[in-house]
Amino acid sequence: MVKEAAIISLFPVEEFFGELLTLIESMLDKTRTFEGCEQACLMRSDDPAEVVIFTLWSSAEDYQAYVDWRIESGGLLTVQGMIEQDIKIKSYQVVA
């Protein structure tokens, strides 16, 4: 089975920066226990206005099940109210 990695970029509204980090940290606690999640971490980029989330999944199917669950749970709506631009998501098949 091919693993799937996802990189999610968020650009928080400055006044919500700390609140968004706290929210993402709590969301990642649930992400890490979701079936198929092998790794999930919150990172800061060189751009101080960008927050990046990295996740690694056992398969593309596990990742898609997670995405579907996040959409249905409504947590992304809260995040969207704290960011300046749309959430940017790129997913990749792990080849080596």
PDB file of N, CA and C in Angstrom:
ATOM      1  N   MET A   1       0.842  -1.188   0.000  1.00  0.00           N
ATOM      2  CA  MET A   1       0.000   0.000   0.000  1.00  0.00           C
ATOM      3  C   MET A   1       0.884   1.247   0.000  1.00  0.00           C
ATOM      4  N   VAL A   2       0.505   2.237  -0.761  1.00  0.00           N
ATOM      5  CA  VAL A   2       1.276   3.470  -0.888  1.00  0.00           C
ATOM      6  C   VAL A   2       0.857   4.456   0.199  1.00  0.00           C
ATOM      7  N   LYS A   3       1.842   4.997   0.893  1.00  0.00           N
ATOM      8  CA  LYS A   3       1.559   5.998   1.924  1.00  0.00           C
ATOM      9  C   LYS A   3       1.212   7.331   1.269  1.00  0.00           C
ATOM     10  N   GLU A   4       0.483   8.161   2.019  1.00  0.00           N
ATOM     11  CA  GLU A   4       0.073   9.484   1.549  1.00  0.00           C
ATOM     12  C   GLU A   4       0.541  10.522   2.563  1.00  0.00           C
ATOM     13  N   ALA A   5       1.137  11.598   2.076  1.00  0.00           N
ATOM     14  CA  ALA A   5       1.545  12.716   2.932  1.00  0.00           C
ATOM     15  C   ALA A   5       0.733  13.934   2.530  1.00  0.00           C
ATOM     16  N   ALA A   6       0.411  14.770   3.500  1.00  0.00           N
ATOM     17  CA  ALA A   6      -0.325  16.004   3.213  1.00  0.00           C
ATOM     18  C   ALA A   6       0.367  17.163   3.914  1.00  0.00           C
ATOM     19  N   ILE A   7       0.442  18.280   3.199  1.00  0.00           N
ATOM     20  CA  ILE A   7       0.976  19.516   3.753  1.00  0.00           C
ATOM     21  C   ILE A   7      -0.117  20.564   3.641  1.00  0.00           C
ATOM     22  N   ILE A   8      -0.497  21.111   4.783  1.00  0.00           N
ATOM     23  CA  ILE A   8      -1.592  22.074   4.856  1.00  0.00           C
ATOM     24  C   ILE A   8      -1.020  23.405   5.318  1.00  0.00           C
ATOM     25  N   SER A   9      -1.258  24.459   4.549  1.00  0.00           N
ATOM     26  CA  SER A   9      -0.771  25.797   4.892  1.00  0.00           C
ATOM     27  C   SER A   9      -1.942  26.674   5.311  1.00  0.00           C
ATOM     28  N   LEU A  10      -1.751  27.347   6.429  1.00  0.00           N
ATOM     29  CA  LEU A  10      -2.753  28.276   6.960  1.00  0.00           C
ATOM     30  C   LEU A  10      -2.104  29.634   7.161  1.00  0.00           C
ATOM     31  N   PHE A  11      -2.863  30.667   6.892  1.00  0.00           N
ATOM     32  CA  PHE A  11      -2.373  32.038   7.076  1.00  0.00           C
ATOM     33  C   PHE A  11      -3.323  32.742   8.042  1.00  0.00           C
ATOM     34  N   PRO A  12      -3.015  32.668   9.343  1.00  0.00           N
ATOM     35  CA  PRO A  12      -3.926  33.192  10.356  1.00  0.00           C
ATOM     36  C   PRO A  12      -4.083  34.709  10.309  1.00  0.00           C
ATOM     37  N   VAL A  13      -5.286  35.157  10.639  1.00  0.00           N
ATOM     38  CA  VAL A  13      -5.508  36.569  10.925  1.00  0.00           C
ATOM     39  C   VAL A  13      -4.681  36.854  12.181  1.00  0.00           C
ATOM     40  N   GLU A  14      -3.911  37.926  12.173  1.00  0.00           N
ATOM     41  CA  GLU A  14      -2.962  38.195  13.261  1.00  0.00           C
ATOM     42  C   GLU A  14      -3.607  38.119  14.648  1.00  0.00           C
ATOM     43  N   GLU A  15      -4.784  38.677  14.800  1.00  0.00           N
ATOM     44  CA  GLU A  15      -5.422  38.697  16.121  1.00  0.00           C
ATOM     45  C   GLU A  15      -5.847  37.309  16.599  1.00  0.00           C
ATOM     46  N   PHE A  16      -5.945  36.328  15.696  1.00  0.00           N
ATOM     47  CA  PHE A  16      -6.350  34.970  16.055  1.00  0.00           C
ATOM     48  C   PHE A  16      -5.179  33.994  16.091  1.00  0.00           C
ATOM     49  N   PHE A  17      -3.948  34.490  15.895  1.00  0.00           N
ATOM     50  CA  PHE A  17      -2.797  33.603  15.744  1.00  0.00           C
ATOM     51  C   PHE A  17      -2.671  32.613  16.902  1.00  0.00           C
ATOM     52  N   GLY A  18      -2.590  33.098  18.122  1.00  0.00           N
ATOM     53  CA  GLY A  18      -2.433  32.217  19.285  1.00  0.00           C
ATOM     54  C   GLY A  18      -3.614  31.282  19.463  1.00  0.00           C
ATOM     55  N   GLU A  19      -4.814  31.794  19.278  1.00  0.00           N
ATOM     56  CA  GLU A  19      -6.015  30.983  19.404  1.00  0.00           C
ATOM     57  C   GLU A  19      -6.039  29.868  18.342  1.00  0.00           C
ATOM     58  N   LEU A  20      -5.612  30.210  17.123  1.00  0.00           N
ATOM     59  CA  LEU A  20      -5.583  29.210  16.060  1.00  0.00           C
ATOM     60  C   LEU A  20      -4.559  28.119  16.371  1.00  0.00           C
ATOM     61  N   LEU A  21      -3.381  28.489  16.859  1.00  0.00           N
ATOM     62  CA  LEU A  21      -2.380  27.478  17.214  1.00  0.00           C
ATOM     63  C   LEU A  21      -2.916  26.518  18.266  1.00  0.00           C
ATOM     64  N   THR A  22      -3.593  27.056  19.268  1.00  0.00           N
ATOM     65  CA  THR A  22      -4.180  26.221  20.317  1.00  0.00           C
ATOM     66  C   THR A  22      -5.232  25.288  19.732  1.00  0.00           C
ATOM     67  N   LEU A  23      -6.079  25.811  18.858  1.00  0.00           N
ATOM     68  CA  LEU A  23      -7.110  24.994  18.223  1.00  0.00           C
ATOM     69  C   LEU A  23      -6.485  23.882  17.382  1.00  0.00           C
ATOM     70  N   ILE A  24      -5.488  24.220  16.584  1.00  0.00           N
ATOM     71  CA  ILE A  24      -4.829  23.220  15.733  1.00  0.00           C
ATOM     72  C   ILE A  24      -4.169  22.140  16.582  1.00  0.00           C
ATOM     73  N   GLU A  25      -3.514  22.535  17.662  1.00  0.00           N
ATOM     74  CA  GLU A  25      -2.889  21.552  18.549  1.00  0.00           C
ATOM     75  C   GLU A  25      -3.917  20.573  19.085  1.00  0.00           C
ATOM     76  N   SER A  26      -5.084  21.053  19.489  1.00  0.00           N
ATOM     77  CA  SER A  26      -6.119  20.150  20.001  1.00  0.00           C
ATOM     78  C   SER A  26      -6.683  19.274  18.878  1.00  0.00           C
ATOM     79  N   MET A  27      -6.802  19.832  17.671  1.00  0.00           N
ATOM     80  CA  MET A  27      -7.278  19.036  16.540  1.00  0.00           C
ATOM     81  C   MET A  27      -6.263  17.942  16.192  1.00  0.00           C
ATOM     82  N   LEU A  28      -4.974  18.238  16.306  1.00  0.00           N
ATOM     83  CA  LEU A  28      -3.951  17.252  15.979  1.00  0.00           C
ATOM     84  C   LEU A  28      -3.943  16.087  16.963  1.00  0.00           C
ATOM     85  N   ASP A  29      -4.352  16.336  18.205  1.00  0.00           N
ATOM     86  CA  ASP A  29      -4.471  15.233  19.166  1.00  0.00           C
ATOM     87  C   ASP A  29      -5.426  14.170  18.619  1.00  0.00           C
ATOM     88  N   LYS A  30      -6.548  14.600  18.039  1.00  0.00           N
ATOM     89  CA  LYS A  30      -7.514  13.664  17.459  1.00  0.00           C
ATOM     90  C   LYS A  30      -6.998  13.090  16.145  1.00  0.00           C
ATOM     91  N   THR A  31      -6.290  13.899  15.369  1.00  0.00           N
ATOM     92  CA  THR A  31      -5.727  13.423  14.111  1.00  0.00           C
ATOM     93  C   THR A  31      -4.783  12.261  14.359  1.00  0.00           C
ATOM     94  N   ARG A  32      -3.930  12.390  15.357  1.00  0.00           N
ATOM     95  CA  ARG A  32      -2.919  11.359  15.632  1.00  0.00           C
ATOM     96  C   ARG A  32      -3.539  10.016  16.008  1.00  0.00           C
ATOM     97  N   THR A  33      -4.760  10.032  16.515  1.00  0.00           N
ATOM     98  CA  THR A  33      -5.413   8.779  16.897  1.00  0.00           C
ATOM     99  C   THR A  33      -6.350   8.261  15.809  1.00  0.00           C
ATOM    100  N   PHE A  34      -6.478   8.999  14.706  1.00  0.00           N
ATOM    101  CA  PHE A  34      -7.350   8.572  13.614  1.00  0.00           C
ATOM    102  C   PHE A  34      -6.696   7.388  12.898  1.00  0.00           C
ATOM    103  N   GLU A  35      -7.507   6.415  12.519  1.00  0.00           N
ATOM    104  CA  GLU A  35      -6.981   5.213  11.877  1.00  0.00           C
ATOM    105  C   GLU A  35      -6.133   5.566  10.645  1.00  0.00           C
ATOM    106  N   GLY A  36      -4.926   5.049  10.615  1.00  0.00           N
ATOM    107  CA  GLY A  36      -4.032   5.249   9.474  1.00  0.00           C
ATOM    108  C   GLY A  36      -3.066   6.407   9.617  1.00  0.00           C
ATOM    109  N   CYS A  37      -3.257   7.253  10.627  1.00  0.00           N
ATOM    110  CA  CYS A  37      -2.335   8.372  10.810  1.00  0.00           C
ATOM    111  C   CYS A  37      -1.035   7.862  11.417  1.00  0.00           C
ATOM    112  N   GLU A  38       0.061   8.116  10.724  1.00  0.00           N
ATOM    113  CA  GLU A  38       1.373   7.715  11.214  1.00  0.00           C
ATOM    114  C   GLU A  38       2.131   8.876  11.844  1.00  0.00           C
ATOM    115  N   GLN A  39       1.808  10.095  11.409  1.00  0.00           N
ATOM    116  CA  GLN A  39       2.488  11.275  11.957  1.00  0.00           C
ATOM    117  C   GLN A  39       1.642  12.506  11.675  1.00  0.00           C
ATOM    118  N   ALA A  40       1.633  13.424  12.617  1.00  0.00           N
ATOM    119  CA  ALA A  40       0.958  14.712  12.432  1.00  0.00           C
ATOM    120  C   ALA A  40       1.689  15.732  13.291  1.00  0.00           C
ATOM    121  N   CYS A  41       2.133  16.827  12.658  1.00  0.00           N
ATOM    122  CA  CYS A  41       2.830  17.844  13.427  1.00  0.00           C
ATOM    123  C   CYS A  41       2.516  19.239  12.895  1.00  0.00           C
ATOM    124  N   LEU A  42       2.624  20.191  13.787  1.00  0.00           N
ATOM    125  CA  LEU A  42       2.388  21.606  13.506  1.00  0.00           C
ATOM    126  C   LEU A  42       3.745  22.280  13.394  1.00  0.00           C
ATOM    127  N   MET A  43       3.932  23.064  12.324  1.00  0.00           N
ATOM    128  CA  MET A  43       5.229  23.683  12.082  1.00  0.00           C
ATOM    129  C   MET A  43       5.049  25.164  11.755  1.00  0.00           C
ATOM    130  N   ARG A  44       6.078  25.930  12.001  1.00  0.00           N
ATOM    131  CA  ARG A  44       6.136  27.334  11.570  1.00  0.00           C
ATOM    132  C   ARG A  44       7.063  27.399  10.371  1.00  0.00           C
ATOM    133  N   SER A  45       6.710  28.208   9.411  1.00  0.00           N
ATOM    134  CA  SER A  45       7.571  28.364   8.239  1.00  0.00           C
ATOM    135  C   SER A  45       8.458  29.591   8.417  1.00  0.00           C
ATOM    136  N   ASP A  46       9.300  29.867   7.422  1.00  0.00           N
ATOM    137  CA  ASP A  46      10.115  31.081   7.442  1.00  0.00           C
ATOM    138  C   ASP A  46       9.235  32.321   7.420  1.00  0.00           C
ATOM    139  N   ASP A  47       8.065  32.191   6.834  1.00  0.00           N
ATOM    140  CA  ASP A  47       7.082  33.281   6.793  1.00  0.00           C
ATOM    141  C   ASP A  47       6.337  33.281   8.128  1.00  0.00           C
ATOM    142  N   PRO A  48       6.517  34.307   8.968  1.00  0.00           N
ATOM    143  CA  PRO A  48       5.888  34.299  10.288  1.00  0.00           C
ATOM    144  C   PRO A  48       4.362  34.316  10.237  1.00  0.00           C
ATOM    145  N   ALA A  49       3.796  34.601   9.081  1.00  0.00           N
ATOM    146  CA  ALA A  49       2.341  34.630   8.955  1.00  0.00           C
ATOM    147  C   ALA A  49       1.774  33.285   8.511  1.00  0.00           C
ATOM    148  N   GLU A  50       2.638  32.283   8.307  1.00  0.00           N
ATOM    149  CA  GLU A  50       2.176  30.983   7.822  1.00  0.00           C
ATOM    150  C   GLU A  50       2.373  29.908   8.884  1.00  0.00           C
ATOM    151  N   VAL A  51       1.368  29.081   9.032  1.00  0.00           N
ATOM    152  CA  VAL A  51       1.426  27.910   9.897  1.00  0.00           C
ATOM    153  C   VAL A  51       1.245  26.699   8.981  1.00  0.00           C
ATOM    154  N   VAL A  52       2.057  25.662   9.184  1.00  0.00           N
ATOM    155  CA  VAL A  52       2.017  24.487   8.321  1.00  0.00           C
ATOM    156  C   VAL A  52       1.748  23.244   9.157  1.00  0.00           C
ATOM    157  N   ILE A  53       0.884  22.391   8.631  1.00  0.00           N
ATOM    158  CA  ILE A  53       0.592  21.106   9.260  1.00  0.00           C
ATOM    159  C   ILE A  53       1.080  20.020   8.311  1.00  0.00           C
ATOM    160  N   PHE A  54       1.824  19.064   8.851  1.00  0.00           N
ATOM    161  CA  PHE A  54       2.289  17.925   8.066  1.00  0.00           C
ATOM    162  C   PHE A  54       1.637  16.676   8.627  1.00  0.00           C
ATOM    163  N   THR A  55       1.076  15.842   7.738  1.00  0.00           N
ATOM    164  CA  THR A  55       0.532  14.553   8.167  1.00  0.00           C
ATOM    165  C   THR A  55       1.025  13.462   7.230  1.00  0.00           C
ATOM    166  N   LEU A  56       1.188  12.274   7.786  1.00  0.00           N
ATOM    167  CA  LEU A  56       1.592  11.098   7.024  1.00  0.00           C
ATOM    168  C   LEU A  56       0.594   9.992   7.318  1.00  0.00           C
ATOM    169  N   TRP A  57       0.106   9.365   6.249  1.00  0.00           N
ATOM    170  CA  TRP A  57      -0.965   8.368   6.348  1.00  0.00           C
ATOM    171  C   TRP A  57      -0.534   7.036   5.772  1.00  0.00           C
ATOM    172  N   SER A  58      -1.074   5.960   6.309  1.00  0.00           N
ATOM    173  CA  SER A  58      -0.766   4.611   5.832  1.00  0.00           C
ATOM    174  C   SER A  58      -1.194   4.402   4.391  1.00  0.00           C
ATOM    175  N   SER A  59      -2.249   5.117   3.971  1.00  0.00           N
ATOM    176  CA  SER A  59      -2.747   4.979   2.602  1.00  0.00           C
ATOM    177  C   SER A  59      -3.547   6.215   2.209  1.00  0.00           C
ATOM    178  N   ALA A  60      -3.772   6.365   0.914  1.00  0.00           N
ATOM    179  CA  ALA A  60      -4.608   7.463   0.419  1.00  0.00           C
ATOM    180  C   ALA A  60      -6.038   7.304   0.921  1.00  0.00           C
ATOM    181  N   GLU A  61      -6.497   6.069   1.064  1.00  0.00           N
ATOM    182  CA  GLU A  61      -7.849   5.822   1.560  1.00  0.00           C
ATOM    183  C   GLU A  61      -8.004   6.284   3.009  1.00  0.00           C
ATOM    184  N   ASP A  62      -6.991   6.020   3.836  1.00  0.00           N
ATOM    185  CA  ASP A  62      -7.037   6.489   5.230  1.00  0.00           C
ATOM    186  C   ASP A  62      -7.057   8.011   5.283  1.00  0.00           C
ATOM    187  N   TYR A  63      -6.247   8.636   4.442  1.00  0.00           N
ATOM    188  CA  TYR A  63      -6.212  10.099   4.410  1.00  0.00           C
ATOM    189  C   TYR A  63      -7.560  10.660   3.966  1.00  0.00           C
ATOM    190  N   GLN A  64      -8.159  10.074   2.941  1.00  0.00           N
ATOM    191  CA  GLN A  64      -9.450  10.563   2.455  1.00  0.00           C
ATOM    192  C   GLN A  64     -10.542  10.375   3.502  1.00  0.00           C
ATOM    193  N   ALA A  65     -10.511   9.262   4.226  1.00  0.00           N
ATOM    194  CA  ALA A  65     -11.489   9.037   5.305  1.00  0.00           C
ATOM    195  C   ALA A  65     -11.341  10.120   6.371  1.00  0.00           C
ATOM    196  N   TYR A  66     -10.104  10.479   6.678  1.00  0.00           N
ATOM    197  CA  TYR A  66      -9.842  11.544   7.653  1.00  0.00           C
ATOM    198  C   TYR A  66     -10.379  12.887   7.152  1.00  0.00           C
ATOM    199  N   VAL A  67     -10.085  13.233   5.902  1.00  0.00           N
ATOM    200  CA  VAL A  67     -10.563  14.495   5.332  1.00  0.00           C
ATOM    201  C   VAL A  67     -12.089  14.549   5.382  1.00  0.00           C
ATOM    202  N   ASP A  68     -12.737  13.470   4.993  1.00  0.00           N
ATOM    203  CA  ASP A  68     -14.202  13.409   5.031  1.00  0.00           C
ATOM    204  C   ASP A  68     -14.715  13.635   6.452  1.00  0.00           C
ATOM    205  N   TRP A  69     -14.058  13.000   7.427  1.00  0.00           N
ATOM    206  CA  TRP A  69     -14.465  13.152   8.821  1.00  0.00           C
ATOM    207  C   TRP A  69     -14.278  14.595   9.296  1.00  0.00           C
ATOM    208  N   ARG A  70     -13.157  15.214   8.936  1.00  0.00           N
ATOM    209  CA  ARG A  70     -12.912  16.612   9.342  1.00  0.00           C
ATOM    210  C   ARG A  70     -13.972  17.537   8.749  1.00  0.00           C
ATOM    211  N   ILE A  71     -14.350  17.315   7.509  1.00  0.00           N
ATOM    212  CA  ILE A  71     -15.378  18.149   6.881  1.00  0.00           C
ATOM    213  C   ILE A  71     -16.708  17.959   7.592  1.00  0.00           C
ATOM    214  N   GLU A  72     -17.077  16.711   7.850  1.00  0.00           N
ATOM    215  CA  GLU A  72     -18.355  16.416   8.507  1.00  0.00           C
ATOM    216  C   GLU A  72     -18.406  16.922   9.943  1.00  0.00           C
ATOM    217  N   SER A  73     -17.276  16.908  10.639  1.00  0.00           N
ATOM    218  CA  SER A  73     -17.251  17.298  12.054  1.00  0.00           C
ATOM    219  C   SER A  73     -17.396  18.807  12.251  1.00  0.00           C
ATOM    220  N   GLY A  74     -17.141  19.595  11.203  1.00  0.00           N
ATOM    221  CA  GLY A  74     -17.304  21.038  11.280  1.00  0.00           C
ATOM    222  C   GLY A  74     -16.122  21.806  11.831  1.00  0.00           C
ATOM    223  N   GLY A  75     -15.054  21.126  12.227  1.00  0.00           N
ATOM    224  CA  GLY A  75     -13.890  21.809  12.782  1.00  0.00           C
ATOM    225  C   GLY A  75     -13.220  22.759  11.804  1.00  0.00           C
ATOM    226  N   LEU A  76     -13.305  22.432  10.533  1.00  0.00           N
ATOM    227  CA  LEU A  76     -12.671  23.293   9.534  1.00  0.00           C
ATOM    228  C   LEU A  76     -13.372  24.641   9.417  1.00  0.00           C
ATOM    229  N   LEU A  77     -14.651  24.680   9.709  1.00  0.00           N
ATOM    230  CA  LEU A  77     -15.373  25.954   9.658  1.00  0.00           C
ATOM    231  C   LEU A  77     -14.819  26.933  10.688  1.00  0.00           C
ATOM    232  N   THR A  78     -14.490  26.440  11.863  1.00  0.00           N
ATOM    233  CA  THR A  78     -13.898  27.294  12.898  1.00  0.00           C
ATOM    234  C   THR A  78     -12.549  27.817  12.435  1.00  0.00           C
ATOM    235  N   VAL A  79     -11.744  26.943  11.847  1.00  0.00           N
ATOM    236  CA  VAL A  79     -10.429  27.349  11.343  1.00  0.00           C
ATOM    237  C   VAL A  79     -10.595  28.415  10.264  1.00  0.00           C
ATOM    238  N   GLN A  80     -11.534  28.223   9.354  1.00  0.00           N
ATOM    239  CA  GLN A  80     -11.719  29.170   8.256  1.00  0.00           C
ATOM    240  C   GLN A  80     -12.055  30.575   8.751  1.00  0.00           C
ATOM    241  N   GLY A  81     -12.688  30.685   9.910  1.00  0.00           N
ATOM    242  CA  GLY A  81     -13.009  31.983  10.465  1.00  0.00           C
ATOM    243  C   GLY A  81     -11.813  32.708  11.066  1.00  0.00           C
ATOM    244  N   MET A  82     -10.658  32.015  11.152  1.00  0.00           N
ATOM    245  CA  MET A  82      -9.462  32.580  11.773  1.00  0.00           C
ATOM    246  C   MET A  82      -8.324  32.810  10.798  1.00  0.00           C
ATOM    247  N   ILE A  83      -8.559  32.542   9.511  1.00  0.00           N
ATOM    248  CA  ILE A  83      -7.482  32.672   8.530  1.00  0.00           C
ATOM    249  C   ILE A  83      -7.825  33.708   7.465  1.00  0.00           C
ATOM    250  N   GLU A  84      -6.769  34.249   6.846  1.00  0.00           N
ATOM    251  CA  GLU A  84      -6.930  35.315   5.864  1.00  0.00           C
ATOM    252  C   GLU A  84      -7.211  34.808   4.461  1.00  0.00           C
ATOM    253  N   GLN A  85      -6.775  33.600   4.135  1.00  0.00           N
ATOM    254  CA  GLN A  85      -6.985  33.038   2.803  1.00  0.00           C
ATOM    255  C   GLN A  85      -7.483  31.612   2.949  1.00  0.00           C
ATOM    256  N   ASP A  86      -7.899  31.033   1.839  1.00  0.00           N
ATOM    257  CA  ASP A  86      -8.357  29.655   1.870  1.00  0.00           C
ATOM    258  C   ASP A  86      -7.241  28.735   2.362  1.00  0.00           C
ATOM    259  N   ILE A  87      -7.643  27.654   2.987  1.00  0.00           N
ATOM    260  CA  ILE A  87      -6.703  26.622   3.411  1.00  0.00           C
ATOM    261  C   ILE A  87      -6.058  26.037   2.153  1.00  0.00           C
ATOM    262  N   LYS A  88      -4.736  25.900   2.170  1.00  0.00           N
ATOM    263  CA  LYS A  88      -4.016  25.321   1.036  1.00  0.00           C
ATOM    264  C   LYS A  88      -3.561  23.917   1.416  1.00  0.00           C
ATOM    265  N   ILE A  89      -4.010  22.936   0.646  1.00  0.00           N
ATOM    266  CA  ILE A  89      -3.685  21.543   0.933  1.00  0.00           C
ATOM    267  C   ILE A  89      -3.035  20.925  -0.295  1.00  0.00           C
ATOM    268  N   LYS A  90      -1.900  20.285  -0.066  1.00  0.00           N
ATOM    269  CA  LYS A  90      -1.244  19.502  -1.115  1.00  0.00           C
ATOM    270  C   LYS A  90      -1.013  18.115  -0.550  1.00  0.00           C
ATOM    271  N   SER A  91      -1.373  17.111  -1.316  1.00  0.00           N
ATOM    272  CA  SER A  91      -1.099  15.747  -0.871  1.00  0.00           C
ATOM    273  C   SER A  91      -0.171  15.079  -1.877  1.00  0.00           C
ATOM    274  N   TYR A  92       0.586  14.123  -1.369  1.00  0.00           N
ATOM    275  CA  TYR A  92       1.640  13.474  -2.151  1.00  0.00           C
ATOM    276  C   TYR A  92       1.645  11.980  -1.859  1.00  0.00           C
ATOM    277  N   GLN A  93       1.908  11.185  -2.864  1.00  0.00           N
ATOM    278  CA  GLN A  93       2.176   9.769  -2.648  1.00  0.00           C
ATOM    279  C   GLN A  93       3.630   9.631  -2.266  1.00  0.00           C
ATOM    280  N   VAL A  94       3.899   8.879  -1.222  1.00  0.00           N
ATOM    281  CA  VAL A  94       5.266   8.663  -0.772  1.00  0.00           C
ATOM    282  C   VAL A  94       5.860   7.563  -1.641  1.00  0.00           C
ATOM    283  N   VAL A  95       6.982   7.853  -2.293  1.00  0.00           N
ATOM    284  CA  VAL A  95       7.563   6.893  -3.224  1.00  0.00           C
ATOM    285  C   VAL A  95       8.860   6.259  -2.715  1.00  0.00           C
ATOM    286  N   ALA A  96       9.453   6.816  -1.697  1.00  0.00           N
ATOM    287  CA  ALA A  96      10.688   6.225  -1.154  1.00  0.00           C
ATOM    288  C   ALA A  96      10.828   6.552   0.308  1.00  0.00           C
TER     289      ALA A  96
END
